[in-house]
Amino acid sequence: MPPVRILVLTVLAMLAFAANSLLCRLALRETAIDPATFTGYRVISGALVLYVFVRLRGDRARLWDGGWASALALFVYAAAFSLAYVSLSAGTGALLLFGAVQVTMLVGGWRAGERPSPLQALGLLLAFAGLLVLVLPGVSAPPWTGSALMLLAGIAWGLYSLRGRGVKDAAAATAGNFARAIVFALIFSGAMAGSAHWDARGALYAVASGAIASGLGYAIWYTALRGLRASSAASVQLSVPVLAAIGGVLFLGESLTLRLVVATLTILGGIALVLRPVRA
């Protein structure tokens, strides 16, 4: 694959991932749609796009890859993500999500027998410290409920990613998991029916989040991964919280606090140390 094409696809994928935070925050702040309805539209539209993507590759027999446990982790991520963005800013939410995902995967690797170098261990401690800086009480601290929900979303996505490490076809597995997650999303919507609010503009944002930022974003990312080394693929995702924070300031009028800047530098710096290749 030509390097220019890899670069373009990678940039588009990172923008799509950051757009998920912006679209969810925009929908829940500016429209009447509720988190459960947003989650339902997002999961269903994402499943449809991934279904089409896998079909276009001619992998009809692999449409139901994945499993129910992974689908549940995917749903918990999507539901907690929506609930958290009722109160969190786009940048803060993306940073909490990304930090929790990476820490969960690092701890998972440690439990599986992977032993970090001293520099990587320092990076992990820095990432934890950054998360603490962000959520400790203070004037500019984000709400505890929203923070806890986003950390739950990150842990769920980290577990989902760990479960998917050994799959042969990530796109087919994700398509199958999104399809199964529809069941959980419908149950969630039914349980929250008493507080359900439908909104046309909110539904449009949810479909954009599911079909474009999630479904199409994952499809683009899977294509880009063919030309990226594992270390490059992990490192480039450091840009997502930064892009979400910038987007929140530019498009949602959110403020960029000193606490968020310090936490961002600490968390991403720590994770960068962890992702740094170990020399033999």
C-alpha atoms as a PDB file:
ATOM      1  CA  MET A   1       0.000   0.000   0.000  1.00  0.00           C
ATOM      2  CA  PRO A   2       1.464   3.442  -0.915  1.00  0.00           C
ATOM      3  CA  PRO A   3       2.683   5.444   2.119  1.00  0.00           C
ATOM      4  CA  VAL A   4       0.526   8.437   1.167  1.00  0.00           C
ATOM      5  CA  ARG A   5      -2.602   6.273   1.185  1.00  0.00           C
ATOM      6  CA  ILE A   6      -1.667   4.811   4.574  1.00  0.00           C
ATOM      7  CA  LEU A   7      -1.204   8.321   5.947  1.00  0.00           C
ATOM      8  CA  VAL A   8      -4.532   9.571   4.592  1.00  0.00           C
ATOM      9  CA  LEU A   9      -6.448   6.536   5.890  1.00  0.00           C
ATOM     10  CA  THR A  10      -4.803   6.825   9.314  1.00  0.00           C
ATOM     11  CA  VAL A  11      -5.652  10.521   9.628  1.00  0.00           C
ATOM     12  CA  LEU A  12      -9.264   9.858   8.578  1.00  0.00           C
ATOM     13  CA  ALA A  13      -9.587   7.043  11.132  1.00  0.00           C
ATOM     14  CA  MET A  14      -8.252   9.188  13.987  1.00  0.00           C
ATOM     15  CA  LEU A  15     -10.599  12.029  13.024  1.00  0.00           C
ATOM     16  CA  ALA A  16     -13.505   9.567  12.999  1.00  0.00           C
ATOM     17  CA  PHE A  17     -12.642   8.249  16.464  1.00  0.00           C
ATOM     18  CA  ALA A  18     -12.407  11.788  17.858  1.00  0.00           C
ATOM     19  CA  ALA A  19     -15.696  12.662  16.131  1.00  0.00           C
ATOM     20  CA  ASN A  20     -17.468  10.015  18.236  1.00  0.00           C
ATOM     21  CA  SER A  21     -16.862  12.119  21.341  1.00  0.00           C
ATOM     22  CA  LEU A  22     -17.945  15.341  19.628  1.00  0.00           C
ATOM     23  CA  LEU A  23     -21.120  13.855  18.140  1.00  0.00           C
ATOM     24  CA  CYS A  24     -22.197  12.206  21.393  1.00  0.00           C
ATOM     25  CA  ARG A  25     -21.540  15.321  23.467  1.00  0.00           C
ATOM     26  CA  LEU A  26     -23.282  17.504  20.878  1.00  0.00           C
ATOM     27  CA  ALA A  27     -26.358  15.266  20.776  1.00  0.00           C
ATOM     28  CA  LEU A  28     -26.756  14.990  24.544  1.00  0.00           C
ATOM     29  CA  ARG A  29     -26.064  18.668  25.208  1.00  0.00           C
ATOM     30  CA  GLU A  30     -27.917  20.328  22.345  1.00  0.00           C
ATOM     31  CA  THR A  31     -30.841  17.971  21.623  1.00  0.00           C
ATOM     32  CA  ALA A  32     -33.508  16.136  23.625  1.00  0.00           C
ATOM     33  CA  ILE A  33     -32.322  12.609  22.787  1.00  0.00           C
ATOM     34  CA  ASP A  34     -31.535  10.440  25.820  1.00  0.00           C
ATOM     35  CA  PRO A  35     -28.392   8.297  26.252  1.00  0.00           C
ATOM     36  CA  ALA A  36     -30.185   4.955  25.768  1.00  0.00           C
ATOM     37  CA  THR A  37     -31.818   6.033  22.506  1.00  0.00           C
ATOM     38  CA  PHE A  38     -28.516   7.487  21.288  1.00  0.00           C
ATOM     39  CA  THR A  39     -26.779   4.194  22.102  1.00  0.00           C
ATOM     40  CA  GLY A  40     -29.415   2.195  20.231  1.00  0.00           C
ATOM     41  CA  TYR A  41     -29.141   4.267  17.070  1.00  0.00           C
ATOM     42  CA  ARG A  42     -25.351   4.201  17.241  1.00  0.00           C
ATOM     43  CA  VAL A  43     -25.078   0.428  17.648  1.00  0.00           C
ATOM     44  CA  ILE A  44     -27.669  -0.395  14.975  1.00  0.00           C
ATOM     45  CA  SER A  45     -26.240   2.002  12.370  1.00  0.00           C
ATOM     46  CA  GLY A  46     -22.690   0.824  13.136  1.00  0.00           C
ATOM     47  CA  ALA A  47     -23.753  -2.806  12.710  1.00  0.00           C
ATOM     48  CA  LEU A  48     -25.353  -2.041   9.330  1.00  0.00           C
ATOM     49  CA  VAL A  49     -22.265  -0.287   7.955  1.00  0.00           C
ATOM     50  CA  LEU A  50     -19.920  -3.035   9.152  1.00  0.00           C
ATOM     51  CA  TYR A  51     -22.274  -5.655   7.686  1.00  0.00           C
ATOM     52  CA  VAL A  52     -22.066  -3.946   4.294  1.00  0.00           C
ATOM     53  CA  PHE A  53     -18.271  -3.598   4.617  1.00  0.00           C
ATOM     54  CA  VAL A  54     -17.801  -7.311   5.288  1.00  0.00           C
ATOM     55  CA  ARG A  55     -20.251  -8.292   2.542  1.00  0.00           C
ATOM     56  CA  LEU A  56     -18.442  -6.138  -0.008  1.00  0.00           C
ATOM     57  CA  ARG A  57     -15.282  -8.083   0.776  1.00  0.00           C
ATOM     58  CA  GLY A  58     -17.142 -11.280  -0.063  1.00  0.00           C
ATOM     59  CA  ASP A  59     -16.917 -12.711   3.467  1.00  0.00           C
ATOM     60  CA  ARG A  60     -20.543 -13.769   3.805  1.00  0.00           C
ATOM     61  CA  ALA A  61     -19.632 -16.862   5.799  1.00  0.00           C
ATOM     62  CA  ARG A  62     -17.771 -14.776   8.392  1.00  0.00           C
ATOM     63  CA  LEU A  63     -20.489 -12.258   9.168  1.00  0.00           C
ATOM     64  CA  TRP A  64     -21.178 -13.846  12.538  1.00  0.00           C
ATOM     65  CA  ASP A  65     -17.622 -13.928  13.838  1.00  0.00           C
ATOM     66  CA  GLY A  66     -17.143 -12.644  17.363  1.00  0.00           C
ATOM     67  CA  GLY A  67     -19.111 -13.758  20.396  1.00  0.00           C
ATOM     68  CA  TRP A  68     -21.639 -12.760  23.017  1.00  0.00           C
ATOM     69  CA  ALA A  69     -19.092 -11.929  25.724  1.00  0.00           C
ATOM     70  CA  SER A  70     -17.305  -9.519  23.396  1.00  0.00           C
ATOM     71  CA  ALA A  71     -20.637  -8.069  22.294  1.00  0.00           C
ATOM     72  CA  LEU A  72     -21.556  -7.424  25.931  1.00  0.00           C
ATOM     73  CA  ALA A  73     -18.241  -5.613  26.512  1.00  0.00           C
ATOM     74  CA  LEU A  74     -18.891  -3.573  23.359  1.00  0.00           C
ATOM     75  CA  PHE A  75     -22.367  -2.640  24.577  1.00  0.00           C
ATOM     76  CA  VAL A  76     -21.145  -1.679  28.072  1.00  0.00           C
ATOM     77  CA  TYR A  77     -18.609   0.613  26.415  1.00  0.00           C
ATOM     78  CA  ALA A  78     -21.226   2.239  24.166  1.00  0.00           C
ATOM     79  CA  ALA A  79     -23.839   2.647  26.925  1.00  0.00           C
ATOM     80  CA  ALA A  80     -21.441   4.008  29.561  1.00  0.00           C
ATOM     81  CA  PHE A  81     -19.915   6.297  26.911  1.00  0.00           C
ATOM     82  CA  SER A  82     -23.305   7.855  26.181  1.00  0.00           C
ATOM     83  CA  LEU A  83     -24.279   8.172  29.843  1.00  0.00           C
ATOM     84  CA  ALA A  84     -20.941   9.811  30.676  1.00  0.00           C
ATOM     85  CA  TYR A  85     -21.260  12.475  28.000  1.00  0.00           C
ATOM     86  CA  VAL A  86     -24.346  13.886  29.657  1.00  0.00           C
ATOM     87  CA  SER A  87     -21.965  15.742  31.975  1.00  0.00           C
ATOM     88  CA  LEU A  88     -18.425  15.532  30.551  1.00  0.00           C
ATOM     89  CA  SER A  89     -16.784  17.769  27.972  1.00  0.00           C
ATOM     90  CA  ALA A  90     -15.601  16.133  24.748  1.00  0.00           C
ATOM     91  CA  GLY A  91     -11.902  16.457  25.566  1.00  0.00           C
ATOM     92  CA  THR A  92     -12.167  15.285  29.168  1.00  0.00           C
ATOM     93  CA  GLY A  93     -14.304  12.306  28.173  1.00  0.00           C
ATOM     94  CA  ALA A  94     -11.939  11.244  25.389  1.00  0.00           C
ATOM     95  CA  LEU A  95      -8.922  11.515  27.690  1.00  0.00           C
ATOM     96  CA  LEU A  96     -10.566   9.450  30.436  1.00  0.00           C
ATOM     97  CA  LEU A  97     -11.698   6.876  27.884  1.00  0.00           C
ATOM     98  CA  PHE A  98      -8.335   6.609  26.166  1.00  0.00           C
ATOM     99  CA  GLY A  99      -6.406   6.466  29.442  1.00  0.00           C
ATOM    100  CA  ALA A 100      -8.651   3.735  30.846  1.00  0.00           C
ATOM    101  CA  VAL A 101      -8.452   1.699  27.624  1.00  0.00           C
ATOM    102  CA  GLN A 102      -4.666   1.758  27.524  1.00  0.00           C
ATOM    103  CA  VAL A 103      -4.213   1.094  31.253  1.00  0.00           C
ATOM    104  CA  THR A 104      -6.652  -1.833  31.059  1.00  0.00           C
ATOM    105  CA  MET A 105      -4.770  -3.340  28.132  1.00  0.00           C
ATOM    106  CA  LEU A 106      -1.416  -2.830  29.844  1.00  0.00           C
ATOM    107  CA  VAL A 107      -2.653  -4.508  33.027  1.00  0.00           C
ATOM    108  CA  GLY A 108      -4.119  -7.298  30.897  1.00  0.00           C
ATOM    109  CA  GLY A 109      -0.752  -7.823  29.249  1.00  0.00           C
ATOM    110  CA  TRP A 110       0.956  -7.887  32.642  1.00  0.00           C
ATOM    111  CA  ARG A 111      -1.480 -10.527  33.897  1.00  0.00           C
ATOM    112  CA  ALA A 112      -0.766 -12.574  30.759  1.00  0.00           C
ATOM    113  CA  GLY A 113       2.936 -12.645  31.596  1.00  0.00           C
ATOM    114  CA  GLU A 114       4.235  -9.571  29.764  1.00  0.00           C
ATOM    115  CA  ARG A 115       6.769  -7.800  31.965  1.00  0.00           C
ATOM    116  CA  PRO A 116       7.396  -4.097  31.373  1.00  0.00           C
ATOM    117  CA  SER A 117      10.848  -2.541  31.397  1.00  0.00           C
ATOM    118  CA  PRO A 118      11.630   0.028  34.129  1.00  0.00           C
ATOM    119  CA  LEU A 119      10.899   2.830  31.654  1.00  0.00           C
ATOM    120  CA  GLN A 120       7.565   1.264  30.710  1.00  0.00           C
ATOM    121  CA  ALA A 121       6.674   0.815  34.386  1.00  0.00           C
ATOM    122  CA  LEU A 122       7.395   4.517  34.921  1.00  0.00           C
ATOM    123  CA  GLY A 123       5.133   5.315  31.989  1.00  0.00           C
ATOM    124  CA  LEU A 124       2.307   3.266  33.477  1.00  0.00           C
ATOM    125  CA  LEU A 125       2.661   5.097  36.800  1.00  0.00           C
ATOM    126  CA  LEU A 126       2.575   8.443  34.973  1.00  0.00           C
ATOM    127  CA  ALA A 127      -0.603   7.434  33.150  1.00  0.00           C
ATOM    128  CA  PHE A 128      -2.267   6.507  36.460  1.00  0.00           C
ATOM    129  CA  ALA A 129      -1.082   9.788  37.983  1.00  0.00           C
ATOM    130  CA  GLY A 130      -2.551  11.743  35.082  1.00  0.00           C
ATOM    131  CA  LEU A 131      -5.929  10.112  35.555  1.00  0.00           C
ATOM    132  CA  LEU A 132      -5.803  11.002  39.254  1.00  0.00           C
ATOM    133  CA  VAL A 133      -4.894  14.609  38.439  1.00  0.00           C
ATOM    134  CA  LEU A 134      -7.912  14.821  36.164  1.00  0.00           C
ATOM    135  CA  VAL A 135     -10.539  13.407  38.529  1.00  0.00           C
ATOM    136  CA  LEU A 136      -9.354  14.592  41.964  1.00  0.00           C
ATOM    137  CA  PRO A 137     -11.779  17.090  43.561  1.00  0.00           C
ATOM    138  CA  GLY A 138     -11.272  20.722  42.682  1.00  0.00           C
ATOM    139  CA  VAL A 139     -12.844  23.707  40.960  1.00  0.00           C
ATOM    140  CA  SER A 140     -12.232  22.368  37.460  1.00  0.00           C
ATOM    141  CA  ALA A 141     -12.634  18.659  38.200  1.00  0.00           C
ATOM    142  CA  PRO A 142     -15.162  16.834  35.990  1.00  0.00           C
ATOM    143  CA  PRO A 143     -18.285  15.365  37.680  1.00  0.00           C
ATOM    144  CA  TRP A 144     -17.541  12.125  39.503  1.00  0.00           C
ATOM    145  CA  THR A 145     -20.520  10.274  38.037  1.00  0.00           C
ATOM    146  CA  GLY A 146     -19.572  11.094  34.466  1.00  0.00           C
ATOM    147  CA  SER A 147     -15.907  10.329  35.153  1.00  0.00           C
ATOM    148  CA  ALA A 148     -16.730   6.930  36.674  1.00  0.00           C
ATOM    149  CA  LEU A 149     -18.974   6.048  33.747  1.00  0.00           C
ATOM    150  CA  MET A 150     -16.314   7.005  31.199  1.00  0.00           C
ATOM    151  CA  LEU A 151     -13.681   5.015  33.077  1.00  0.00           C
ATOM    152  CA  LEU A 152     -16.102   2.060  32.956  1.00  0.00           C
ATOM    153  CA  ALA A 153     -16.487   2.621  29.208  1.00  0.00           C
ATOM    154  CA  GLY A 154     -12.707   2.602  28.822  1.00  0.00           C
ATOM    155  CA  ILE A 155     -12.290  -0.573  30.872  1.00  0.00           C
ATOM    156  CA  ALA A 156     -15.010  -2.274  28.808  1.00  0.00           C
ATOM    157  CA  TRP A 157     -13.381  -1.218  25.535  1.00  0.00           C
ATOM    158  CA  GLY A 158      -9.988  -2.351  26.849  1.00  0.00           C
ATOM    159  CA  LEU A 159     -11.417  -5.768  27.726  1.00  0.00           C
ATOM    160  CA  TYR A 160     -13.094  -5.914  24.313  1.00  0.00           C
ATOM    161  CA  SER A 161      -9.747  -5.152  22.672  1.00  0.00           C
ATOM    162  CA  LEU A 162      -7.949  -7.788  24.753  1.00  0.00           C
ATOM    163  CA  ARG A 163     -10.542 -10.390  23.772  1.00  0.00           C
ATOM    164  CA  GLY A 164     -10.042  -9.482  20.129  1.00  0.00           C
ATOM    165  CA  ARG A 165      -6.262  -9.807  20.102  1.00  0.00           C
ATOM    166  CA  GLY A 166      -6.293 -13.338  18.714  1.00  0.00           C
ATOM    167  CA  VAL A 167      -9.035 -13.004  16.110  1.00  0.00           C
ATOM    168  CA  LYS A 168      -8.025 -13.627  12.513  1.00  0.00           C
ATOM    169  CA  ASP A 169     -10.355 -11.042  11.001  1.00  0.00           C
ATOM    170  CA  ALA A 170     -10.987  -8.009  13.197  1.00  0.00           C
ATOM    171  CA  ALA A 171     -13.499  -6.465  10.775  1.00  0.00           C
ATOM    172  CA  ALA A 172     -15.685  -9.586  10.598  1.00  0.00           C
ATOM    173  CA  ALA A 173     -15.498 -10.082  14.372  1.00  0.00           C
ATOM    174  CA  THR A 174     -16.454  -6.456  15.010  1.00  0.00           C
ATOM    175  CA  ALA A 175     -19.368  -6.711  12.568  1.00  0.00           C
ATOM    176  CA  GLY A 176     -20.651  -9.794  14.393  1.00  0.00           C
ATOM    177  CA  ASN A 177     -20.175  -8.185  17.799  1.00  0.00           C
ATOM    178  CA  PHE A 178     -22.018  -5.030  16.742  1.00  0.00           C
ATOM    179  CA  ALA A 179     -24.894  -7.183  15.451  1.00  0.00           C
ATOM    180  CA  ARG A 180     -25.115  -9.066  18.758  1.00  0.00           C
ATOM    181  CA  ALA A 181     -24.836  -5.814  20.741  1.00  0.00           C
ATOM    182  CA  ILE A 182     -28.141  -4.696  19.186  1.00  0.00           C
ATOM    183  CA  VAL A 183     -29.887  -7.151  21.525  1.00  0.00           C
ATOM    184  CA  PHE A 184     -28.334  -5.521  24.601  1.00  0.00           C
ATOM    185  CA  ALA A 185     -29.042  -2.039  23.234  1.00  0.00           C
ATOM    186  CA  LEU A 186     -32.724  -2.875  22.777  1.00  0.00           C
ATOM    187  CA  ILE A 187     -32.926  -4.246  26.328  1.00  0.00           C
ATOM    188  CA  PHE A 188     -31.228  -1.067  27.604  1.00  0.00           C
ATOM    189  CA  SER A 189     -33.683   1.124  25.688  1.00  0.00           C
ATOM    190  CA  GLY A 190     -36.607  -0.868  27.048  1.00  0.00           C
ATOM    191  CA  ALA A 191     -35.359  -0.538  30.620  1.00  0.00           C
ATOM    192  CA  MET A 192     -34.947   3.224  30.151  1.00  0.00           C
ATOM    193  CA  ALA A 193     -38.237   3.691  28.295  1.00  0.00           C
ATOM    194  CA  GLY A 194     -39.643   5.880  31.067  1.00  0.00           C
ATOM    195  CA  SER A 195     -37.028   8.564  30.410  1.00  0.00           C
ATOM    196  CA  ALA A 196     -36.765   8.084  26.649  1.00  0.00           C
ATOM    197  CA  HIS A 197     -36.795  11.172  24.436  1.00  0.00           C
ATOM    198  CA  TRP A 198     -36.641  10.989  20.649  1.00  0.00           C
ATOM    199  CA  ASP A 199     -35.199  13.901  18.758  1.00  0.00           C
ATOM    200  CA  ALA A 200     -34.655  14.040  14.988  1.00  0.00           C
ATOM    201  CA  ARG A 201     -31.408  16.006  15.171  1.00  0.00           C
ATOM    202  CA  GLY A 202     -30.156  13.878  18.051  1.00  0.00           C
ATOM    203  CA  ALA A 203     -30.969  10.720  16.086  1.00  0.00           C
ATOM    204  CA  LEU A 204     -29.042  12.123  13.119  1.00  0.00           C
ATOM    205  CA  TYR A 205     -25.981  12.690  15.318  1.00  0.00           C
ATOM    206  CA  ALA A 206     -26.327   9.157  16.708  1.00  0.00           C
ATOM    207  CA  VAL A 207     -26.511   7.632  13.217  1.00  0.00           C
ATOM    208  CA  ALA A 208     -23.487   9.698  12.152  1.00  0.00           C
ATOM    209  CA  SER A 209     -21.640   8.435  15.225  1.00  0.00           C
ATOM    210  CA  GLY A 210     -22.565   4.813  14.516  1.00  0.00           C
ATOM    211  CA  ALA A 211     -22.429   4.680  10.726  1.00  0.00           C
ATOM    212  CA  ILE A 212     -19.583   7.105   9.980  1.00  0.00           C
ATOM    213  CA  ALA A 213     -17.437   7.653  13.092  1.00  0.00           C
ATOM    214  CA  SER A 214     -17.769   4.043  14.311  1.00  0.00           C
ATOM    215  CA  GLY A 215     -18.641   1.722  11.419  1.00  0.00           C
ATOM    216  CA  LEU A 216     -16.871   3.530   8.578  1.00  0.00           C
ATOM    217  CA  GLY A 217     -14.123   4.688  10.954  1.00  0.00           C
ATOM    218  CA  TYR A 218     -13.338   1.104  11.973  1.00  0.00           C
ATOM    219  CA  ALA A 219     -13.438  -0.043   8.332  1.00  0.00           C
ATOM    220  CA  ILE A 220     -10.918   2.666   7.373  1.00  0.00           C
ATOM    221  CA  TRP A 221      -8.743   1.826  10.372  1.00  0.00           C
ATOM    222  CA  TYR A 222      -8.660  -1.881   9.541  1.00  0.00           C
ATOM    223  CA  THR A 223      -7.517  -0.990   6.030  1.00  0.00           C
ATOM    224  CA  ALA A 224      -4.809   1.361   7.328  1.00  0.00           C
ATOM    225  CA  LEU A 225      -3.559  -1.267   9.794  1.00  0.00           C
ATOM    226  CA  ARG A 226      -2.333  -3.390   6.889  1.00  0.00           C
ATOM    227  CA  GLY A 227       0.418  -0.857   6.291  1.00  0.00           C
ATOM    228  CA  LEU A 228       1.266   0.076   9.904  1.00  0.00           C
ATOM    229  CA  ARG A 229       3.583  -1.573  12.390  1.00  0.00           C
ATOM    230  CA  ALA A 230       2.020  -2.520  15.723  1.00  0.00           C
ATOM    231  CA  SER A 231       4.002   0.156  17.581  1.00  0.00           C
ATOM    232  CA  SER A 232       2.959   2.813  15.060  1.00  0.00           C
ATOM    233  CA  ALA A 233      -0.692   1.766  15.274  1.00  0.00           C
ATOM    234  CA  ALA A 234      -0.637   2.075  19.061  1.00  0.00           C
ATOM    235  CA  SER A 235       1.258   5.363  19.106  1.00  0.00           C
ATOM    236  CA  VAL A 236      -0.880   7.151  16.535  1.00  0.00           C
ATOM    237  CA  GLN A 237      -3.946   6.696  18.719  1.00  0.00           C
ATOM    238  CA  LEU A 238      -2.368   9.110  21.197  1.00  0.00           C
ATOM    239  CA  SER A 239      -3.758  11.823  18.926  1.00  0.00           C
ATOM    240  CA  VAL A 240      -7.428  10.988  19.539  1.00  0.00           C
ATOM    241  CA  PRO A 241      -7.926  12.739  22.923  1.00  0.00           C
ATOM    242  CA  VAL A 242      -6.017  15.773  21.659  1.00  0.00           C
ATOM    243  CA  LEU A 243      -8.172  15.959  18.526  1.00  0.00           C
ATOM    244  CA  ALA A 244     -11.337  15.594  20.627  1.00  0.00           C
ATOM    245  CA  ALA A 245     -10.223  18.370  22.986  1.00  0.00           C
ATOM    246  CA  ILE A 246      -9.415  20.697  20.067  1.00  0.00           C
ATOM    247  CA  GLY A 247     -12.746  19.846  18.427  1.00  0.00           C
ATOM    248  CA  GLY A 248     -14.577  20.565  21.679  1.00  0.00           C
ATOM    249  CA  VAL A 249     -12.992  24.001  21.895  1.00  0.00           C
ATOM    250  CA  LEU A 250     -13.556  24.847  18.211  1.00  0.00           C
ATOM    251  CA  PHE A 251     -17.017  23.395  17.620  1.00  0.00           C
ATOM    252  CA  LEU A 252     -18.664  23.097  21.052  1.00  0.00           C
ATOM    253  CA  GLY A 253     -17.285  26.188  22.769  1.00  0.00           C
ATOM    254  CA  GLU A 254     -15.711  24.142  25.560  1.00  0.00           C
ATOM    255  CA  SER A 255     -12.902  25.599  27.674  1.00  0.00           C
ATOM    256  CA  LEU A 256      -9.387  24.193  27.738  1.00  0.00           C
ATOM    257  CA  THR A 257      -8.506  24.155  31.453  1.00  0.00           C
ATOM    258  CA  LEU A 258      -5.023  23.949  32.935  1.00  0.00           C
ATOM    259  CA  ARG A 259      -6.046  20.719  34.706  1.00  0.00           C
ATOM    260  CA  LEU A 260      -6.990  19.122  31.370  1.00  0.00           C
ATOM    261  CA  VAL A 261      -3.731  20.240  29.747  1.00  0.00           C
ATOM    262  CA  VAL A 262      -1.594  18.873  32.614  1.00  0.00           C
ATOM    263  CA  ALA A 263      -3.543  15.597  32.717  1.00  0.00           C
ATOM    264  CA  THR A 264      -3.297  15.229  28.942  1.00  0.00           C
ATOM    265  CA  LEU A 265       0.473  15.709  28.907  1.00  0.00           C
ATOM    266  CA  THR A 266       0.937  13.340  31.859  1.00  0.00           C
ATOM    267  CA  ILE A 267      -1.315  10.544  30.581  1.00  0.00           C
ATOM    268  CA  LEU A 268      -0.186  10.638  26.960  1.00  0.00           C
ATOM    269  CA  GLY A 269       3.446  11.069  27.965  1.00  0.00           C
ATOM    270  CA  GLY A 270       3.220   8.037  30.235  1.00  0.00           C
ATOM    271  CA  ILE A 271       1.554   5.914  27.578  1.00  0.00           C
ATOM    272  CA  ALA A 272       4.152   7.041  25.023  1.00  0.00           C
ATOM    273  CA  LEU A 273       6.854   5.666  27.342  1.00  0.00           C
ATOM    274  CA  VAL A 274       4.983   2.364  27.624  1.00  0.00           C
ATOM    275  CA  LEU A 275       4.635   2.093  23.858  1.00  0.00           C
ATOM    276  CA  ARG A 276       8.293   2.897  23.251  1.00  0.00           C
ATOM    277  CA  PRO A 277       9.995  -0.192  21.738  1.00  0.00           C
ATOM    278  CA  VAL A 278      12.274  -2.047  24.132  1.00  0.00           C
ATOM    279  CA  ARG A 279      15.824  -2.425  22.803  1.00  0.00           C
ATOM    280  CA  ALA A 280      17.315  -5.872  23.006  1.00  0.00           C
END
